[in-house]
Amino acid sequence: MTLGVNIDHVAVLREARRVNDPDILNALYVACANGADQITIHLREDRRHIQDIDVKDIIRHSTLPVNLECAIDKDILNIVSSLKPHRATLVPEKREEVTTEGGLDVFTYEDEIRYAIEQLHDSIIPVSLFVDPTIEAMDKSKELGAEMVELHTGSFANIFAMLNSSLSYSNHSIKELQLPRYELQSRLEKSLEDIEIAAKHAKKLGLEVAAGHGLNYHNVSHMMNIQEITELNIGQSIIARSVFSGLAEAVKEMKKLTTR
């Protein structure tokens, strides 16, 4: 299993004080040296963490492939096309959100996504689409010309957290509703089934399959049981763990958990 380590949250800490500490390149070097197979970063339109210069420096100095997440914004796409990362992952993005809240809507924004993929392909950049785990999204991703999909695991991660903590269930259709454990367990099983079915279908279509969002040291084992998923992109939990154990140890621990 390929482990993509997302180092965005190192930049979050840096930007909190607008200084160059912690240095994002130090995080890059430590991740590269301690088990990461790929570096993942997200250049957001509002530049709340990763900056343009960070992307340039990381691509220039990384000894590992760089997976650059970005919106389908034209200005951002122009930057990505010029920097030529190993891969671009197209993600949904709203300026007011704390983190990415769901998969890319490949139906409503079909034309914009197709244009974005064509532009990136013109720059010889493979494309992954960050999408919800549905059969329809897999079919559309293939139709649009992506080489890869990254399955959004946020719903699974939220249900897992509710089942194993006091976190209440909340999504777009159910607001702060406390559910009994049997219902949470049923939803967890359904969420995992959706991910597995989508992964298998994507693989049959010839798409590479990754997964990410909300994965951590407690729930990642569930992804390891889905053979079609060959890459995981994990960030927040690794950086959070590093506060107590150090980044090198945090990456090593996650690599052990994601090695088949």
Protein backbone atom coordinates (compact mmCIF):
# COMPACT_ATOMS: atom_id res chain seq x y z
CA MET A 1 0.00 0.00 0.00
CA THR A 2 1.36 3.41 -0.98
CA LEU A 3 1.28 5.92 1.87
CA GLY A 4 0.87 9.53 0.84
CA VAL A 5 1.70 11.84 3.74
CA ASN A 6 -0.12 15.15 3.59
CA ILE A 7 1.96 17.87 5.21
CA ASP A 8 -0.55 20.73 4.86
CA HIS A 9 -1.05 20.97 8.62
CA VAL A 10 2.59 21.80 9.18
CA ALA A 11 1.93 24.89 7.09
CA VAL A 12 -1.27 25.56 9.09
CA LEU A 13 0.85 25.88 12.21
CA ARG A 14 3.36 28.09 10.43
CA GLU A 15 0.67 30.39 9.02
CA ALA A 16 -0.86 30.84 12.47
CA ARG A 17 2.06 33.15 13.30
CA ARG A 18 3.08 34.14 9.75
CA VAL A 19 6.65 33.00 10.28
CA ASN A 20 8.79 30.30 8.69
CA ASP A 21 8.58 27.96 11.64
CA PRO A 22 7.94 25.08 11.38
CA ASP A 23 9.68 24.86 8.02
CA ILE A 24 7.61 22.85 5.53
CA LEU A 25 10.76 21.51 3.89
CA ASN A 26 11.88 19.98 7.17
CA ALA A 27 8.56 18.13 7.26
CA LEU A 28 9.16 16.98 3.69
CA TYR A 29 12.59 15.60 4.52
CA VAL A 30 11.42 13.81 7.68
CA ALA A 31 8.45 12.22 5.89
CA CYS A 32 10.65 11.10 3.00
CA ALA A 33 13.18 9.53 5.36
CA ASN A 34 10.72 7.64 7.55
CA GLY A 35 8.38 5.65 5.36
CA ALA A 36 6.28 7.99 3.22
CA ASP A 37 5.90 6.80 -0.36
CA GLN A 38 4.43 10.06 -1.61
CA ILE A 39 4.01 13.65 -0.47
CA THR A 40 0.53 15.14 -0.74
CA ILE A 41 -0.22 18.85 -0.50
CA HIS A 42 -3.24 21.03 -1.29
CA LEU A 43 -2.81 24.45 -2.87
CA ARG A 44 -6.06 26.12 -1.85
CA GLU A 45 -7.46 29.24 -3.49
CA ASP A 46 -7.36 31.12 -0.16
CA ARG A 47 -3.76 29.95 0.55
CA ARG A 48 -4.68 29.19 4.15
CA HIS A 49 -1.70 26.87 4.52
CA ILE A 50 0.40 25.79 1.52
CA GLN A 51 1.73 28.77 -0.47
CA ASP A 52 2.90 28.93 -4.08
CA ILE A 53 6.54 29.00 -3.02
CA ASP A 54 5.96 25.90 -0.87
CA VAL A 55 4.70 23.97 -3.88
CA LYS A 56 7.72 25.02 -5.96
CA ASP A 57 10.16 24.11 -3.20
CA ILE A 58 8.52 20.77 -2.40
CA ILE A 59 8.41 19.67 -6.03
CA ARG A 60 12.02 20.79 -6.51
CA HIS A 61 13.40 19.08 -3.41
CA SER A 62 11.22 16.02 -2.89
CA THR A 63 12.81 12.66 -3.55
CA LEU A 64 9.29 11.17 -3.63
CA PRO A 65 6.37 11.73 -6.02
CA VAL A 66 4.30 14.81 -5.19
CA ASN A 67 0.52 14.59 -5.37
CA LEU A 68 -0.84 18.14 -5.66
CA GLU A 69 -4.48 18.58 -4.71
CA CYS A 70 -6.28 21.53 -6.26
CA ALA A 71 -9.64 22.96 -7.22
CA ILE A 72 -10.88 23.32 -10.79
CA ASP A 73 -10.18 27.06 -10.62
CA LYS A 74 -8.47 28.29 -13.80
CA ASP A 75 -5.79 30.33 -12.02
CA ILE A 76 -4.87 27.38 -9.80
CA LEU A 77 -4.83 25.01 -12.78
CA ASN A 78 -2.40 27.34 -14.58
CA ILE A 79 -0.05 27.20 -11.60
CA VAL A 80 -0.30 23.41 -11.36
CA SER A 81 0.31 23.01 -15.09
CA SER A 82 3.47 25.09 -14.86
CA LEU A 83 4.86 23.26 -11.81
CA LYS A 84 4.27 19.74 -13.18
CA PRO A 85 3.78 17.62 -10.04
CA HIS A 86 3.82 13.84 -10.33
CA ARG A 87 0.01 13.91 -10.16
CA ALA A 88 -2.81 16.41 -9.74
CA THR A 89 -5.85 15.46 -7.69
CA LEU A 90 -8.92 17.56 -8.43
CA VAL A 91 -10.94 18.25 -5.29
CA PRO A 92 -14.02 20.31 -4.40
CA GLU A 93 -13.28 23.48 -2.51
CA LYS A 94 -15.26 26.13 -0.66
CA ARG A 95 -13.49 29.02 1.01
CA GLU A 96 -15.72 28.84 4.11
CA GLU A 97 -15.16 25.14 4.82
CA VAL A 98 -12.77 23.93 7.51
CA THR A 99 -11.75 20.95 5.39
CA THR A 100 -12.98 19.25 2.24
CA GLU A 101 -16.54 18.20 3.02
CA GLY A 102 -17.28 15.71 0.27
CA GLY A 103 -16.34 14.36 -3.10
CA LEU A 104 -16.07 16.38 -6.28
CA ASP A 105 -19.44 16.72 -8.03
CA VAL A 106 -18.46 15.16 -11.35
CA PHE A 107 -21.97 15.62 -12.75
CA THR A 108 -22.78 19.27 -12.03
CA TYR A 109 -19.25 20.38 -12.99
CA GLU A 110 -18.70 17.87 -15.78
CA ASP A 111 -17.63 20.44 -18.39
CA GLU A 112 -15.24 22.27 -16.04
CA ILE A 113 -13.66 19.00 -14.89
CA ARG A 114 -13.24 17.77 -18.45
CA TYR A 115 -11.50 21.03 -19.36
CA ALA A 116 -9.27 20.81 -16.28
CA ILE A 117 -8.25 17.24 -17.09
CA GLU A 118 -7.48 18.18 -20.69
CA GLN A 119 -5.34 21.11 -19.55
CA LEU A 120 -3.40 18.96 -17.09
CA HIS A 121 -2.94 16.20 -19.65
CA ASP A 122 -1.58 18.77 -22.10
CA SER A 123 1.11 19.40 -19.47
CA ILE A 124 1.74 15.63 -19.14
CA ILE A 125 0.26 15.50 -15.62
CA PRO A 126 -1.79 12.42 -14.64
CA VAL A 127 -5.09 13.23 -12.95
CA SER A 128 -6.97 11.74 -10.02
CA LEU A 129 -10.50 12.80 -9.04
CA PHE A 130 -11.45 12.99 -5.35
CA VAL A 131 -14.97 11.58 -5.45
CA ASP A 132 -17.64 9.97 -3.32
CA PRO A 133 -17.62 6.16 -3.40
CA THR A 134 -20.49 5.51 -5.83
CA ILE A 135 -20.71 3.44 -9.01
CA GLU A 136 -21.95 6.49 -10.89
CA ALA A 137 -18.97 8.60 -9.83
CA MET A 138 -16.57 5.86 -10.94
CA ASP A 139 -18.22 5.64 -14.37
CA LYS A 140 -18.16 9.41 -14.82
CA SER A 141 -14.53 9.68 -13.68
CA LYS A 142 -13.53 7.15 -16.32
CA GLU A 143 -15.61 8.93 -18.96
CA LEU A 144 -13.97 12.26 -18.14
CA GLY A 145 -10.51 10.82 -18.73
CA ALA A 146 -9.02 10.55 -15.24
CA GLU A 147 -6.38 7.89 -14.63
CA MET A 148 -7.22 7.53 -10.96
CA VAL A 149 -9.89 8.13 -8.33
CA GLU A 150 -9.44 8.88 -4.65
CA LEU A 151 -12.44 7.67 -2.69
CA HIS A 152 -13.70 10.12 -0.09
CA THR A 153 -13.71 8.25 3.22
CA GLY A 154 -15.05 11.11 5.35
CA SER A 155 -18.46 9.55 5.95
CA PHE A 156 -16.88 6.28 7.06
CA ALA A 157 -14.46 8.12 9.35
CA ASN A 158 -17.22 10.19 10.95
CA ILE A 159 -19.39 7.14 11.64
CA PHE A 160 -16.39 5.25 13.02
CA ALA A 161 -15.66 8.15 15.36
CA MET A 162 -19.27 8.29 16.54
CA LEU A 163 -19.31 4.57 17.17
CA ASN A 164 -16.09 4.74 19.18
CA SER A 165 -16.50 8.11 20.92
CA SER A 166 -19.13 10.60 22.02
CA LEU A 167 -19.11 12.43 18.66
CA SER A 168 -22.68 12.95 17.43
CA TYR A 169 -23.78 12.08 13.90
CA SER A 170 -23.94 15.06 11.58
CA ASN A 171 -24.01 15.38 7.81
CA HIS A 172 -25.91 17.27 5.14
CA SER A 173 -29.18 15.42 5.75
CA ILE A 174 -29.07 14.62 9.48
CA LYS A 175 -28.16 17.42 11.89
CA GLU A 176 -26.63 16.54 15.27
CA LEU A 177 -28.74 13.40 15.67
CA GLN A 178 -27.70 10.93 18.36
CA LEU A 179 -28.05 7.39 17.03
CA PRO A 180 -28.07 4.07 18.90
CA ARG A 181 -24.99 1.90 18.55
CA TYR A 182 -26.73 -0.73 16.42
CA GLU A 183 -27.70 1.96 13.92
CA LEU A 184 -24.18 3.36 13.84
CA GLN A 185 -22.76 -0.13 13.32
CA SER A 186 -25.16 -0.70 10.44
CA ARG A 187 -24.17 2.62 8.87
CA LEU A 188 -20.50 1.82 9.30
CA GLU A 189 -20.90 -1.51 7.53
CA LYS A 190 -22.88 0.14 4.74
CA SER A 191 -20.22 2.84 4.35
CA LEU A 192 -17.45 0.24 4.09
CA GLU A 193 -19.52 -1.75 1.61
CA ASP A 194 -19.99 1.36 -0.54
CA ILE A 195 -16.24 2.00 -0.54
CA GLU A 196 -15.43 -1.59 -1.46
CA ILE A 197 -18.01 -1.77 -4.23
CA ALA A 198 -16.82 1.53 -5.70
CA ALA A 199 -13.17 0.42 -5.49
CA LYS A 200 -13.88 -2.86 -7.25
CA HIS A 201 -15.87 -1.13 -9.98
CA ALA A 202 -13.18 1.50 -10.51
CA LYS A 203 -10.55 -1.22 -10.80
CA LYS A 204 -12.63 -3.03 -13.43
CA LEU A 205 -12.80 0.22 -15.40
CA GLY A 206 -9.01 0.42 -15.38
CA LEU A 207 -8.77 3.23 -12.83
CA GLU A 208 -6.17 3.27 -10.09
CA VAL A 209 -7.81 3.57 -6.68
CA ALA A 210 -6.74 5.64 -3.68
CA ALA A 211 -8.66 6.59 -0.55
CA GLY A 212 -8.45 9.40 1.95
CA HIS A 213 -10.07 11.84 4.37
CA GLY A 214 -10.45 11.29 8.07
CA LEU A 215 -8.27 8.18 8.10
CA ASN A 216 -6.26 7.71 11.27
CA TYR A 217 -4.37 5.19 13.41
CA HIS A 218 -7.61 3.67 14.72
CA ASN A 219 -9.68 3.25 11.56
CA VAL A 220 -7.15 2.76 8.77
CA SER A 221 -7.11 -1.03 9.19
CA HIS A 222 -10.53 -1.17 7.54
CA MET A 223 -9.07 0.21 4.31
CA MET A 224 -6.37 -2.46 4.32
CA ASN A 225 -9.01 -5.13 3.75
CA ILE A 226 -10.00 -3.65 0.38
CA GLN A 227 -7.43 -5.01 -2.05
CA GLU A 228 -8.36 -2.68 -4.89
CA ILE A 229 -7.25 0.35 -2.87
CA THR A 230 -3.52 0.73 -3.47
CA GLU A 231 -2.89 4.20 -2.02
CA LEU A 232 -3.92 6.08 1.11
CA ASN A 233 -3.45 9.81 1.62
CA ILE A 234 -3.34 10.74 5.30
CA GLY A 235 -2.41 14.04 6.88
CA GLN A 236 -4.17 15.47 9.91
CA SER A 237 -3.86 12.40 12.12
CA ILE A 238 -0.15 11.99 11.34
CA ILE A 239 0.63 15.63 12.10
CA ALA A 240 -1.53 15.50 15.25
CA ARG A 241 0.33 12.41 16.46
CA SER A 242 3.65 14.09 15.70
CA VAL A 243 2.94 16.78 18.31
CA PHE A 244 3.51 14.10 20.95
CA SER A 245 5.77 11.53 19.31
CA GLY A 246 7.62 13.54 16.66
CA LEU A 247 6.98 13.45 12.93
CA ALA A 248 9.48 10.70 12.17
CA GLU A 249 7.86 8.29 14.62
CA ALA A 250 4.33 9.29 13.54
CA VAL A 251 5.09 8.49 9.90
CA LYS A 252 6.79 5.20 10.84
CA GLU A 253 3.76 4.14 12.90
CA MET A 254 1.34 4.88 10.07
CA LYS A 255 3.56 3.11 7.56
CA LYS A 256 3.50 -0.03 9.70
CA LEU A 257 -0.31 0.10 9.79
CA THR A 258 -0.57 0.54 6.02
CA THR A 259 1.86 -2.19 4.98
CA ARG A 260 0.22 -5.34 3.66
